């Protein structure tokens, strides 16, 4: 079994890289093997205003933590940063991802010669 946990596949920032991942997995699995992909459904994207999001994750006396996100629907990219504002300064914790819809993941699997078992 090959298991890709919690959106790790989406850290590959192009569809070509993601397809190559599926092909590499296929080359390493036995006939009885399974490829498990744990990934979020990007349904929250419909709630974005102007393809952006800002959320105060925590407000403390000595620190404020924000989550800021920019969405590119054409490239299916999310550029996000967790921002910490405190007396020590500003710290950024960036995240870049290329999400894929379940139907696209299914197609990548078929391209790689894998067959669907269950969702």
PDB file of N, CA and C in Angstrom:
ATOM      1  N   UNK A   1       0.843  -1.172   0.000  1.00  0.00           N
ATOM      2  CA  UNK A   1       0.000   0.000   0.000  1.00  0.00           C
ATOM      3  C   UNK A   1       0.893   1.241   0.000  1.00  0.00           C
ATOM      4  N   UNK A   2       0.501   2.203  -0.781  1.00  0.00           N
ATOM      5  CA  UNK A   2       1.129   3.519  -0.774  1.00  0.00           C
ATOM      6  C   UNK A   2       0.053   4.509  -0.346  1.00  0.00           C
ATOM      7  N   UNK A   3       0.362   5.293   0.682  1.00  0.00           N
ATOM      8  CA  UNK A   3      -0.616   6.180   1.303  1.00  0.00           C
ATOM      9  C   UNK A   3      -0.081   7.609   1.261  1.00  0.00           C
ATOM     10  N   UNK A   4      -0.799   8.501   0.612  1.00  0.00           N
ATOM     11  CA  UNK A   4      -0.445   9.919   0.551  1.00  0.00           C
ATOM     12  C   UNK A   4      -1.403  10.646   1.488  1.00  0.00           C
ATOM     13  N   UNK A   5      -0.863  11.164   2.588  1.00  0.00           N
ATOM     14  CA  UNK A   5      -1.702  11.704   3.656  1.00  0.00           C
ATOM     15  C   UNK A   5      -1.988  13.187   3.486  1.00  0.00           C
ATOM     16  N   UNK A   6      -3.049  13.586   4.099  1.00  0.00           N
ATOM     17  CA  UNK A   6      -3.546  14.949   4.286  1.00  0.00           C
ATOM     18  C   UNK A   6      -3.047  15.968   3.256  1.00  0.00           C
ATOM     19  N   UNK A   7      -3.553  15.871   2.054  1.00  0.00           N
ATOM     20  CA  UNK A   7      -3.312  16.849   0.982  1.00  0.00           C
ATOM     21  C   UNK A   7      -1.869  16.908   0.486  1.00  0.00           C
ATOM     22  N   UNK A   8      -1.039  15.945   0.854  1.00  0.00           N
ATOM     23  CA  UNK A   8       0.356  15.953   0.409  1.00  0.00           C
ATOM     24  C   UNK A   8       0.459  15.987  -1.110  1.00  0.00           C
ATOM     25  N   UNK A   9      -0.423  15.285  -1.794  1.00  0.00           N
ATOM     26  CA  UNK A   9      -0.419  15.285  -3.260  1.00  0.00           C
ATOM     27  C   UNK A   9      -0.528  16.712  -3.795  1.00  0.00           C
ATOM     28  N   UNK A  10      -1.251  17.563  -3.097  1.00  0.00           N
ATOM     29  CA  UNK A  10      -1.490  18.929  -3.567  1.00  0.00           C
ATOM     30  C   UNK A  10      -0.256  19.832  -3.413  1.00  0.00           C
ATOM     31  N   UNK A  11       0.786  19.334  -2.742  1.00  0.00           N
ATOM     32  CA  UNK A  11       2.039  20.079  -2.677  1.00  0.00           C
ATOM     33  C   UNK A  11       2.804  20.008  -4.000  1.00  0.00           C
ATOM     34  N   UNK A  12       2.414  19.109  -4.881  1.00  0.00           N
ATOM     35  CA  UNK A  12       2.937  19.094  -6.248  1.00  0.00           C
ATOM     36  C   UNK A  12       2.147  20.147  -7.010  1.00  0.00           C
ATOM     37  N   UNK A  13       2.820  21.155  -7.531  1.00  0.00           N
ATOM     38  CA  UNK A  13       2.150  22.384  -7.957  1.00  0.00           C
ATOM     39  C   UNK A  13       1.718  22.427  -9.417  1.00  0.00           C
ATOM     40  N   UNK A  14       1.792  21.296 -10.114  1.00  0.00           N
ATOM     41  CA  UNK A  14       1.260  21.261 -11.482  1.00  0.00           C
ATOM     42  C   UNK A  14       0.542  19.934 -11.692  1.00  0.00           C
ATOM     43  N   UNK A  15      -0.387  19.950 -12.627  1.00  0.00           N
ATOM     44  CA  UNK A  15      -1.096  18.718 -12.959  1.00  0.00           C
ATOM     45  C   UNK A  15      -0.121  17.667 -13.474  1.00  0.00           C
ATOM     46  N   UNK A  16       0.857  18.095 -14.252  1.00  0.00           N
ATOM     47  CA  UNK A  16       1.858  17.165 -14.785  1.00  0.00           C
ATOM     48  C   UNK A  16       2.619  16.459 -13.661  1.00  0.00           C
ATOM     49  N   UNK A  17       3.017  17.210 -12.627  1.00  0.00           N
ATOM     50  CA  UNK A  17       3.711  16.597 -11.489  1.00  0.00           C
ATOM     51  C   UNK A  17       2.806  15.618 -10.750  1.00  0.00           C
ATOM     52  N   UNK A  18       1.536  15.963 -10.627  1.00  0.00           N
ATOM     53  CA  UNK A  18       0.602  15.081  -9.934  1.00  0.00           C
ATOM     54  C   UNK A  18       0.383  13.793 -10.723  1.00  0.00           C
ATOM     55  N   UNK A  19       0.244  13.906 -12.046  1.00  0.00           N
ATOM     56  CA  UNK A  19       0.092  12.708 -12.887  1.00  0.00           C
ATOM     57  C   UNK A  19       1.343  11.842 -12.775  1.00  0.00           C
ATOM     58  N   UNK A  20       2.517  12.465 -12.793  1.00  0.00           N
ATOM     59  CA  UNK A  20       3.769  11.708 -12.653  1.00  0.00           C
ATOM     60  C   UNK A  20       3.809  10.955 -11.328  1.00  0.00           C
ATOM     61  N   UNK A  21       3.274  11.548 -10.282  1.00  0.00           N
ATOM     62  CA  UNK A  21       3.198  10.874  -8.986  1.00  0.00           C
ATOM     63  C   UNK A  21       2.353   9.600  -9.102  1.00  0.00           C
ATOM     64  N   UNK A  22       1.179   9.721  -9.725  1.00  0.00           N
ATOM     65  CA  UNK A  22       0.322   8.541  -9.920  1.00  0.00           C
ATOM     66  C   UNK A  22       1.058   7.466 -10.736  1.00  0.00           C
ATOM     67  N   UNK A  23       1.756   7.888 -11.783  1.00  0.00           N
ATOM     68  CA  UNK A  23       2.486   6.928 -12.624  1.00  0.00           C
ATOM     69  C   UNK A  23       3.603   6.250 -11.835  1.00  0.00           C
ATOM     70  N   UNK A  24       4.295   7.011 -11.001  1.00  0.00           N
ATOM     71  CA  UNK A  24       5.353   6.444 -10.165  1.00  0.00           C
ATOM     72  C   UNK A  24       4.781   5.447  -9.165  1.00  0.00           C
ATOM     73  N   UNK A  25       3.653   5.794  -8.562  1.00  0.00           N
ATOM     74  CA  UNK A  25       2.981   4.881  -7.640  1.00  0.00           C
ATOM     75  C   UNK A  25       2.602   3.599  -8.363  1.00  0.00           C
ATOM     76  N   UNK A  26       2.017   3.735  -9.536  1.00  0.00           N
ATOM     77  CA  UNK A  26       1.600   2.565 -10.318  1.00  0.00           C
ATOM     78  C   UNK A  26       2.782   1.645 -10.619  1.00  0.00           C
ATOM     79  N   UNK A  27       3.931   2.232 -10.898  1.00  0.00           N
ATOM     80  CA  UNK A  27       5.126   1.439 -11.221  1.00  0.00           C
ATOM     81  C   UNK A  27       5.647   0.667 -10.009  1.00  0.00           C
ATOM     82  N   UNK A  28       5.299   1.105  -8.795  1.00  0.00           N
ATOM     83  CA  UNK A  28       5.812   0.456  -7.591  1.00  0.00           C
ATOM     84  C   UNK A  28       4.807  -0.460  -6.894  1.00  0.00           C
ATOM     85  N   UNK A  29       3.560  -0.454  -7.313  1.00  0.00           N
ATOM     86  CA  UNK A  29       2.549  -1.298  -6.674  1.00  0.00           C
ATOM     87  C   UNK A  29       2.537  -2.693  -7.278  1.00  0.00           C
ATOM     88  N   UNK A  30       2.252  -3.675  -6.443  1.00  0.00           N
ATOM     89  CA  UNK A  30       1.996  -5.022  -6.952  1.00  0.00           C
ATOM     90  C   UNK A  30       0.558  -5.073  -7.464  1.00  0.00           C
ATOM     91  N   UNK A  31       0.186  -6.152  -8.075  1.00  0.00           N
ATOM     92  CA  UNK A  31      -1.174  -6.314  -8.605  1.00  0.00           C
ATOM     93  C   UNK A  31      -2.229  -6.182  -7.507  1.00  0.00           C
ATOM     94  N   UNK A  32      -1.904  -6.627  -6.300  1.00  0.00           N
ATOM     95  CA  UNK A  32      -2.849  -6.557  -5.180  1.00  0.00           C
ATOM     96  C   UNK A  32      -2.725  -5.254  -4.392  1.00  0.00           C
ATOM     97  N   UNK A  33      -1.780  -4.400  -4.749  1.00  0.00           N
ATOM     98  CA  UNK A  33      -1.511  -3.188  -3.981  1.00  0.00           C
ATOM     99  C   UNK A  33      -2.595  -2.137  -4.121  1.00  0.00           C
ATOM    100  N   UNK A  34      -2.568  -1.186  -3.211  1.00  0.00           N
ATOM    101  CA  UNK A  34      -3.532  -0.088  -3.210  1.00  0.00           C
ATOM    102  C   UNK A  34      -2.805   1.237  -3.052  1.00  0.00           C
ATOM    103  N   UNK A  35      -3.356   2.248  -3.697  1.00  0.00           N
ATOM    104  CA  UNK A  35      -2.881   3.620  -3.555  1.00  0.00           C
ATOM    105  C   UNK A  35      -4.007   4.393  -2.890  1.00  0.00           C
ATOM    106  N   UNK A  36      -3.731   4.942  -1.704  1.00  0.00           N
ATOM    107  CA  UNK A  36      -4.729   5.680  -0.934  1.00  0.00           C
ATOM    108  C   UNK A  36      -4.311   7.151  -0.920  1.00  0.00           C
ATOM    109  N   UNK A  37      -5.220   8.020  -1.354  1.00  0.00           N
ATOM    110  CA  UNK A  37      -4.976   9.456  -1.358  1.00  0.00           C
ATOM    111  C   UNK A  37      -5.955  10.099  -0.381  1.00  0.00           C
ATOM    112  N   UNK A  38      -5.427  10.750   0.643  1.00  0.00           N
ATOM    113  CA  UNK A  38      -6.262  11.495   1.583  1.00  0.00           C
ATOM    114  C   UNK A  38      -6.188  12.966   1.178  1.00  0.00           C
ATOM    115  N   UNK A  39      -7.325  13.516   0.779  1.00  0.00           N
ATOM    116  CA  UNK A  39      -7.332  14.892   0.289  1.00  0.00           C
ATOM    117  C   UNK A  39      -8.659  15.558   0.612  1.00  0.00           C
ATOM    118  N   UNK A  40      -8.574  16.858   0.849  1.00  0.00           N
ATOM    119  CA  UNK A  40      -9.795  17.604   1.132  1.00  0.00           C
ATOM    120  C   UNK A  40     -10.602  17.826  -0.141  1.00  0.00           C
ATOM    121  N   UNK A  41     -11.874  18.024   0.044  1.00  0.00           N
ATOM    122  CA  UNK A  41     -12.733  18.468  -1.050  1.00  0.00           C
ATOM    123  C   UNK A  41     -12.673  19.984  -1.028  1.00  0.00           C
ATOM    124  N   UNK A  42     -12.202  20.614  -2.092  1.00  0.00           N
ATOM    125  CA  UNK A  42     -12.022  22.071  -2.063  1.00  0.00           C
ATOM    126  C   UNK A  42     -13.334  22.849  -2.198  1.00  0.00           C
ATOM    127  N   UNK A  43     -14.379  22.381  -1.552  1.00  0.00           N
ATOM    128  CA  UNK A  43     -15.692  23.022  -1.671  1.00  0.00           C
ATOM    129  C   UNK A  43     -15.742  24.404  -1.013  1.00  0.00           C
ATOM    130  N   UNK A  44     -14.840  24.687  -0.087  1.00  0.00           N
ATOM    131  CA  UNK A  44     -14.829  25.999   0.583  1.00  0.00           C
ATOM    132  C   UNK A  44     -14.496  27.125  -0.389  1.00  0.00           C
ATOM    133  N   UNK A  45     -13.959  26.819  -1.549  1.00  0.00           N
ATOM    134  CA  UNK A  45     -13.556  27.851  -2.509  1.00  0.00           C
ATOM    135  C   UNK A  45     -14.737  28.699  -2.981  1.00  0.00           C
ATOM    136  N   UNK A  46     -15.926  28.122  -2.967  1.00  0.00           N
ATOM    137  CA  UNK A  46     -17.108  28.862  -3.409  1.00  0.00           C
ATOM    138  C   UNK A  46     -17.497  29.982  -2.442  1.00  0.00           C
ATOM    139  N   UNK A  47     -16.984  29.912  -1.217  1.00  0.00           N
ATOM    140  CA  UNK A  47     -17.315  30.938  -0.217  1.00  0.00           C
ATOM    141  C   UNK A  47     -16.354  32.120  -0.242  1.00  0.00           C
ATOM    142  N   UNK A  48     -15.324  32.063  -1.083  1.00  0.00           N
ATOM    143  CA  UNK A  48     -14.340  33.142  -1.124  1.00  0.00           C
ATOM    144  C   UNK A  48     -14.921  34.387  -1.778  1.00  0.00           C
ATOM    145  N   UNK A  49     -14.487  35.542  -1.296  1.00  0.00           N
ATOM    146  CA  UNK A  49     -14.870  36.802  -1.920  1.00  0.00           C
ATOM    147  C   UNK A  49     -13.668  37.302  -2.716  1.00  0.00           C
ATOM    148  N   UNK A  50     -13.862  37.530  -4.002  1.00  0.00           N
ATOM    149  CA  UNK A  50     -12.779  37.970  -4.883  1.00  0.00           C
ATOM    150  C   UNK A  50     -11.584  37.012  -4.844  1.00  0.00           C
ATOM    151  N   UNK A  51     -11.883  35.722  -4.690  1.00  0.00           N
ATOM    152  CA  UNK A  51     -10.844  34.678  -4.639  1.00  0.00           C
ATOM    153  C   UNK A  51      -9.808  34.927  -3.548  1.00  0.00           C
ATOM    154  N   UNK A  52     -10.259  35.524  -2.429  1.00  0.00           N
ATOM    155  CA  UNK A  52      -9.379  35.776  -1.301  1.00  0.00           C
ATOM    156  C   UNK A  52     -10.088  35.427   0.001  1.00  0.00           C
ATOM    157  N   UNK A  53      -9.283  35.238   1.035  1.00  0.00           N
ATOM    158  CA  UNK A  53      -9.836  34.886   2.346  1.00  0.00           C
ATOM    159  C   UNK A  53      -8.892  35.433   3.418  1.00  0.00           C
ATOM    160  N   UNK A  54      -9.450  36.014   4.460  1.00  0.00           N
ATOM    161  CA  UNK A  54      -8.686  36.441   5.629  1.00  0.00           C
ATOM    162  C   UNK A  54      -9.470  36.011   6.863  1.00  0.00           C
ATOM    163  N   UNK A  55      -8.781  35.365   7.798  1.00  0.00           N
ATOM    164  CA  UNK A  55      -9.442  34.904   9.011  1.00  0.00           C
ATOM    165  C   UNK A  55      -8.507  35.121  10.192  1.00  0.00           C
ATOM    166  N   UNK A  56      -9.047  35.653  11.271  1.00  0.00           N
ATOM    167  CA  UNK A  56      -8.283  35.764  12.512  1.00  0.00           C
ATOM    168  C   UNK A  56      -8.367  34.416  13.210  1.00  0.00           C
ATOM    169  N   UNK A  57      -7.264  33.671  13.193  1.00  0.00           N
ATOM    170  CA  UNK A  57      -7.239  32.350  13.824  1.00  0.00           C
ATOM    171  C   UNK A  57      -7.166  32.447  15.341  1.00  0.00           C
ATOM    172  N   UNK A  58      -6.456  33.469  15.824  1.00  0.00           N
ATOM    173  CA  UNK A  58      -6.335  33.654  17.271  1.00  0.00           C
ATOM    174  C   UNK A  58      -6.009  35.116  17.558  1.00  0.00           C
ATOM    175  N   UNK A  59      -6.645  35.640  18.595  1.00  0.00           N
ATOM    176  CA  UNK A  59      -6.371  37.010  19.026  1.00  0.00           C
ATOM    177  C   UNK A  59      -6.047  36.944  20.519  1.00  0.00           C
ATOM    178  N   UNK A  60      -4.798  37.196  20.827  1.00  0.00           N
ATOM    179  CA  UNK A  60      -4.325  37.178  22.210  1.00  0.00           C
ATOM    180  C   UNK A  60      -3.826  38.577  22.560  1.00  0.00           C
ATOM    181  N   UNK A  61      -3.515  38.795  23.812  1.00  0.00           N
ATOM    182  CA  UNK A  61      -3.009  40.087  24.245  1.00  0.00           C
ATOM    183  C   UNK A  61      -1.663  40.390  23.574  1.00  0.00           C
ATOM    184  N   UNK A  62      -0.825  39.361  23.432  1.00  0.00           N
ATOM    185  CA  UNK A  62       0.529  39.579  22.919  1.00  0.00           C
ATOM    186  C   UNK A  62       0.775  38.984  21.528  1.00  0.00           C
ATOM    187  N   UNK A  63      -0.267  38.449  20.893  1.00  0.00           N
ATOM    188  CA  UNK A  63      -0.078  37.872  19.557  1.00  0.00           C
ATOM    189  C   UNK A  63      -1.417  37.782  18.825  1.00  0.00           C
ATOM    190  N   UNK A  64      -1.366  38.053  17.537  1.00  0.00           N
ATOM    191  CA  UNK A  64      -2.512  37.856  16.650  1.00  0.00           C
ATOM    192  C   UNK A  64      -2.043  36.922  15.546  1.00  0.00           C
ATOM    193  N   UNK A  65      -2.844  35.873  15.270  1.00  0.00           N
ATOM    194  CA  UNK A  65      -2.523  34.939  14.182  1.00  0.00           C
ATOM    195  C   UNK A  65      -3.624  35.011  13.134  1.00  0.00           C
ATOM    196  N   UNK A  66      -3.208  35.257  11.899  1.00  0.00           N
ATOM    197  CA  UNK A  66      -4.132  35.381  10.777  1.00  0.00           C
ATOM    198  C   UNK A  66      -3.881  34.272   9.770  1.00  0.00           C
ATOM    199  N   UNK A  67      -4.919  33.898   9.059  1.00  0.00           N
ATOM    200  CA  UNK A  67      -4.812  33.001   7.918  1.00  0.00           C
ATOM    201  C   UNK A  67      -5.250  33.816   6.708  1.00  0.00           C
ATOM    202  N   UNK A  68      -4.359  33.984   5.740  1.00  0.00           N
ATOM    203  CA  UNK A  68      -4.682  34.741   4.522  1.00  0.00           C
ATOM    204  C   UNK A  68      -4.466  33.826   3.326  1.00  0.00           C
ATOM    205  N   UNK A  69      -5.371  33.923   2.352  1.00  0.00           N
ATOM    206  CA  UNK A  69      -5.354  32.991   1.234  1.00  0.00           C
ATOM    207  C   UNK A  69      -5.735  33.709  -0.046  1.00  0.00           C
ATOM    208  N   UNK A  70      -5.060  33.341  -1.118  1.00  0.00           N
ATOM    209  CA  UNK A  70      -5.399  33.833  -2.457  1.00  0.00           C
ATOM    210  C   UNK A  70      -5.615  32.610  -3.347  1.00  0.00           C
ATOM    211  N   UNK A  71      -6.679  32.638  -4.135  1.00  0.00           N
ATOM    212  CA  UNK A  71      -7.069  31.502  -4.965  1.00  0.00           C
ATOM    213  C   UNK A  71      -6.966  31.865  -6.434  1.00  0.00           C
ATOM    214  N   UNK A  72      -6.349  30.999  -7.227  1.00  0.00           N
ATOM    215  CA  UNK A  72      -6.297  31.137  -8.682  1.00  0.00           C
ATOM    216  C   UNK A  72      -7.109  29.988  -9.260  1.00  0.00           C
ATOM    217  N   UNK A  73      -8.378  30.212  -9.646  1.00  0.00           N
ATOM    218  CA  UNK A  73      -9.234  29.115 -10.097  1.00  0.00           C
ATOM    219  C   UNK A  73      -8.785  28.489 -11.421  1.00  0.00           C
ATOM    220  N   UNK A  74      -8.134  29.241 -12.273  1.00  0.00           N
ATOM    221  CA  UNK A  74      -7.689  28.695 -13.563  1.00  0.00           C
ATOM    222  C   UNK A  74      -6.576  27.668 -13.353  1.00  0.00           C
ATOM    223  N   UNK A  75      -5.608  28.003 -12.519  1.00  0.00           N
ATOM    224  CA  UNK A  75      -4.494  27.090 -12.246  1.00  0.00           C
ATOM    225  C   UNK A  75      -4.809  26.109 -11.118  1.00  0.00           C
ATOM    226  N   UNK A  76      -5.954  26.301 -10.448  1.00  0.00           N
ATOM    227  CA  UNK A  76      -6.349  25.504  -9.285  1.00  0.00           C
ATOM    228  C   UNK A  76      -5.291  25.616  -8.189  1.00  0.00           C
ATOM    229  N   UNK A  77      -4.806  26.834  -7.982  1.00  0.00           N
ATOM    230  CA  UNK A  77      -3.767  27.088  -6.987  1.00  0.00           C
ATOM    231  C   UNK A  77      -4.329  27.850  -5.801  1.00  0.00           C
ATOM    232  N   UNK A  78      -3.797  27.507  -4.642  1.00  0.00           N
ATOM    233  CA  UNK A  78      -4.071  28.229  -3.410  1.00  0.00           C
ATOM    234  C   UNK A  78      -2.727  28.665  -2.848  1.00  0.00           C
ATOM    235  N   UNK A  79      -2.559  29.960  -2.686  1.00  0.00           N
ATOM    236  CA  UNK A  79      -1.389  30.505  -2.002  1.00  0.00           C
ATOM    237  C   UNK A  79      -1.886  31.039  -0.671  1.00  0.00           C
ATOM    238  N   UNK A  80      -1.366  30.477   0.397  1.00  0.00           N
ATOM    239  CA  UNK A  80      -1.872  30.765   1.734  1.00  0.00           C
ATOM    240  C   UNK A  80      -0.693  31.098   2.644  1.00  0.00           C
ATOM    241  N   UNK A  81      -0.936  31.907   3.638  1.00  0.00           N
ATOM    242  CA  UNK A  81       0.084  32.169   4.639  1.00  0.00           C
ATOM    243  C   UNK A  81      -0.584  32.288   5.996  1.00  0.00           C
ATOM    244  N   UNK A  82       0.013  31.654   6.971  1.00  0.00           N
ATOM    245  CA  UNK A  82      -0.380  31.838   8.364  1.00  0.00           C
ATOM    246  C   UNK A  82       0.566  32.920   8.889  1.00  0.00           C
ATOM    247  N   UNK A  83       0.013  33.997   9.392  1.00  0.00           N
ATOM    248  CA  UNK A  83       0.778  35.180   9.775  1.00  0.00           C
ATOM    249  C   UNK A  83       0.671  35.361  11.283  1.00  0.00           C
ATOM    250  N   UNK A  84       1.815  35.505  11.915  1.00  0.00           N
ATOM    251  CA  UNK A  84       1.854  35.773  13.349  1.00  0.00           C
ATOM    252  C   UNK A  84       2.385  37.182  13.562  1.00  0.00           C
ATOM    253  N   UNK A  85       1.596  38.000  14.267  1.00  0.00           N
ATOM    254  CA  UNK A  85       1.990  39.369  14.607  1.00  0.00           C
ATOM    255  C   UNK A  85       2.163  39.438  16.117  1.00  0.00           C
ATOM    256  N   UNK A  86       3.381  39.793  16.553  1.00  0.00           N
ATOM    257  CA  UNK A  86       3.631  39.875  17.994  1.00  0.00           C
ATOM    258  C   UNK A  86       4.742  40.889  18.245  1.00  0.00           C
ATOM    259  N   UNK A  87       5.082  41.072  19.507  1.00  0.00           N
ATOM    260  CA  UNK A  87       6.172  41.965  19.875  1.00  0.00           C
ATOM    261  C   UNK A  87       7.501  41.512  19.291  1.00  0.00           C
ATOM    262  N   UNK A  88       7.608  40.239  18.952  1.00  0.00           N
ATOM    263  CA  UNK A  88       8.829  39.707  18.344  1.00  0.00           C
ATOM    264  C   UNK A  88       8.896  40.017  16.850  1.00  0.00           C
ATOM    265  N   UNK A  89       7.808  40.525  16.291  1.00  0.00           N
ATOM    266  CA  UNK A  89       7.793  40.859  14.876  1.00  0.00           C
ATOM    267  C   UNK A  89       6.724  40.090  14.122  1.00  0.00           C
ATOM    268  N   UNK A  90       6.882  40.061  12.820  1.00  0.00           N
ATOM    269  CA  UNK A  90       5.946  39.378  11.926  1.00  0.00           C
ATOM    270  C   UNK A  90       6.607  38.086  11.452  1.00  0.00           C
ATOM    271  N   UNK A  91       5.884  36.978  11.596  1.00  0.00           N
ATOM    272  CA  UNK A  91       6.376  35.697  11.080  1.00  0.00           C
ATOM    273  C   UNK A  91       5.359  35.166  10.087  1.00  0.00           C
ATOM    274  N   UNK A  92       5.849  34.679   8.946  1.00  0.00           N
ATOM    275  CA  UNK A  92       4.997  34.116   7.898  1.00  0.00           C
ATOM    276  C   UNK A  92       5.266  32.625   7.769  1.00  0.00           C
ATOM    277  N   UNK A  93       4.195  31.864   7.624  1.00  0.00           N
ATOM    278  CA  UNK A  93       4.281  30.425   7.417  1.00  0.00           C
ATOM    279  C   UNK A  93       3.501  30.111   6.132  1.00  0.00           C
ATOM    280  N   UNK A  94       4.191  30.196   4.974  1.00  0.00           N
ATOM    281  CA  UNK A  94       3.496  30.066   3.684  1.00  0.00           C
ATOM    282  C   UNK A  94       3.177  28.620   3.316  1.00  0.00           C
ATOM    283  N   UNK A  95       2.095  28.472   2.558  1.00  0.00           N
ATOM    284  CA  UNK A  95       1.659  27.186   2.013  1.00  0.00           C
ATOM    285  C   UNK A  95       1.202  27.440   0.579  1.00  0.00           C
ATOM    286  N   UNK A  96       1.719  26.644  -0.361  1.00  0.00           N
ATOM    287  CA  UNK A  96       1.263  26.716  -1.755  1.00  0.00           C
ATOM    288  C   UNK A  96       0.782  25.337  -2.161  1.00  0.00           C
ATOM    289  N   UNK A  97      -0.394  25.282  -2.773  1.00  0.00           N
ATOM    290  CA  UNK A  97      -0.962  23.994  -3.186  1.00  0.00           C
ATOM    291  C   UNK A  97      -1.690  24.118  -4.511  1.00  0.00           C
ATOM    292  N   UNK A  98      -1.722  23.005  -5.241  1.00  0.00           N
ATOM    293  CA  UNK A  98      -2.570  22.882  -6.422  1.00  0.00           C
ATOM    294  C   UNK A  98      -3.567  21.771  -6.115  1.00  0.00           C
ATOM    295  N   UNK A  99      -4.820  22.135  -5.889  1.00  0.00           N
ATOM    296  CA  UNK A  99      -5.843  21.152  -5.543  1.00  0.00           C
ATOM    297  C   UNK A  99      -6.359  20.466  -6.814  1.00  0.00           C
ATOM    298  N   UNK A 100      -7.023  19.356  -6.614  1.00  0.00           N
ATOM    299  CA  UNK A 100      -7.662  18.626  -7.710  1.00  0.00           C
ATOM    300  C   UNK A 100      -9.001  18.102  -7.215  1.00  0.00           C
ATOM    301  N   UNK A 101      -9.973  18.119  -8.097  1.00  0.00           N
ATOM    302  CA  UNK A 101     -11.299  17.600  -7.770  1.00  0.00           C
ATOM    303  C   UNK A 101     -11.268  16.074  -7.836  1.00  0.00           C
ATOM    304  N   UNK A 102     -12.174  15.384  -7.144  1.00  0.00           N
ATOM    305  CA  UNK A 102     -12.183  13.920  -7.167  1.00  0.00           C
ATOM    306  C   UNK A 102     -12.215  13.335  -8.579  1.00  0.00           C
ATOM    307  N   UNK A 103     -12.984  13.925  -9.474  1.00  0.00           N
ATOM    308  CA  UNK A 103     -13.037  13.402 -10.843  1.00  0.00           C
ATOM    309  C   UNK A 103     -11.676  13.518 -11.537  1.00  0.00           C
ATOM    310  N   UNK A 104     -10.934  14.569 -11.226  1.00  0.00           N
ATOM    311  CA  UNK A 104      -9.594  14.735 -11.804  1.00  0.00           C
ATOM    312  C   UNK A 104      -8.627  13.706 -11.212  1.00  0.00           C
ATOM    313  N   UNK A 105      -8.737  13.442  -9.916  1.00  0.00           N
ATOM    314  CA  UNK A 105      -7.911  12.406  -9.297  1.00  0.00           C
ATOM    315  C   UNK A 105      -8.208  11.046  -9.920  1.00  0.00           C
ATOM    316  N   UNK A 106      -9.491  10.770 -10.165  1.00  0.00           N
ATOM    317  CA  UNK A 106      -9.866   9.509 -10.815  1.00  0.00           C
ATOM    318  C   UNK A 106      -9.233   9.403 -12.198  1.00  0.00           C
ATOM    319  N   UNK A 107      -9.240  10.492 -12.955  1.00  0.00           N
ATOM    320  CA  UNK A 107      -8.654  10.498 -14.288  1.00  0.00           C
ATOM    321  C   UNK A 107      -7.141  10.293 -14.216  1.00  0.00           C
ATOM    322  N   UNK A 108      -6.477  10.938 -13.268  1.00  0.00           N
ATOM    323  CA  UNK A 108      -5.031  10.735 -13.101  1.00  0.00           C
ATOM    324  C   UNK A 108      -4.727   9.272 -12.829  1.00  0.00           C
ATOM    325  N   UNK A 109      -5.555   8.650 -12.010  1.00  0.00           N
ATOM    326  CA  UNK A 109      -5.365   7.226 -11.707  1.00  0.00           C
ATOM    327  C   UNK A 109      -5.522   6.375 -12.966  1.00  0.00           C
ATOM    328  N   UNK A 110      -6.542   6.661 -13.757  1.00  0.00           N
ATOM    329  CA  UNK A 110      -6.737   5.894 -15.000  1.00  0.00           C
ATOM    330  C   UNK A 110      -5.574   6.086 -15.960  1.00  0.00           C
ATOM    331  N   UNK A 111      -5.085   7.312 -16.076  1.00  0.00           N
ATOM    332  CA  UNK A 111      -3.934   7.591 -16.942  1.00  0.00           C
ATOM    333  C   UNK A 111      -2.736   6.747 -16.513  1.00  0.00           C
ATOM    334  N   UNK A 112      -2.583   6.558 -15.210  1.00  0.00           N
ATOM    335  CA  UNK A 112      -1.461   5.790 -14.668  1.00  0.00           C
ATOM    336  C   UNK A 112      -1.700   4.290 -14.691  1.00  0.00           C
ATOM    337  N   UNK A 113      -2.871   3.872 -15.167  1.00  0.00           N
ATOM    338  CA  UNK A 113      -3.164   2.442 -15.242  1.00  0.00           C
ATOM    339  C   UNK A 113      -3.719   1.852 -13.966  1.00  0.00           C
ATOM    340  N   UNK A 114      -4.173   2.703 -13.058  1.00  0.00           N
ATOM    341  CA  UNK A 114      -4.774   2.230 -11.810  1.00  0.00           C
ATOM    342  C   UNK A 114      -6.281   2.126 -11.983  1.00  0.00           C
ATOM    343  N   UNK A 115      -6.909   1.321 -11.163  1.00  0.00           N
ATOM    344  CA  UNK A 115      -8.369   1.215 -11.224  1.00  0.00           C
ATOM    345  C   UNK A 115      -8.970   1.599  -9.880  1.00  0.00           C
ATOM    346  N   UNK A 116     -10.119   2.240  -9.958  1.00  0.00           N
ATOM    347  CA  UNK A 116     -10.809   2.763  -8.778  1.00  0.00           C
ATOM    348  C   UNK A 116     -11.381   1.621  -7.939  1.00  0.00           C
ATOM    349  N   UNK A 117     -11.189   1.704  -6.609  1.00  0.00           N
ATOM    350  CA  UNK A 117     -11.766   0.706  -5.708  1.00  0.00           C
ATOM    351  C   UNK A 117     -12.896   1.305  -4.890  1.00  0.00           C
ATOM    352  N   UNK A 118     -12.636   2.403  -4.195  1.00  0.00           N
ATOM    353  CA  UNK A 118     -13.682   3.010  -3.370  1.00  0.00           C
ATOM    354  C   UNK A 118     -13.298   4.426  -2.980  1.00  0.00           C
ATOM    355  N   UNK A 119     -14.317   5.212  -2.598  1.00  0.00           N
ATOM    356  CA  UNK A 119     -14.088   6.560  -2.109  1.00  0.00           C
ATOM    357  C   UNK A 119     -14.657   6.633  -0.708  1.00  0.00           C
TER     358      UNK A 119
END
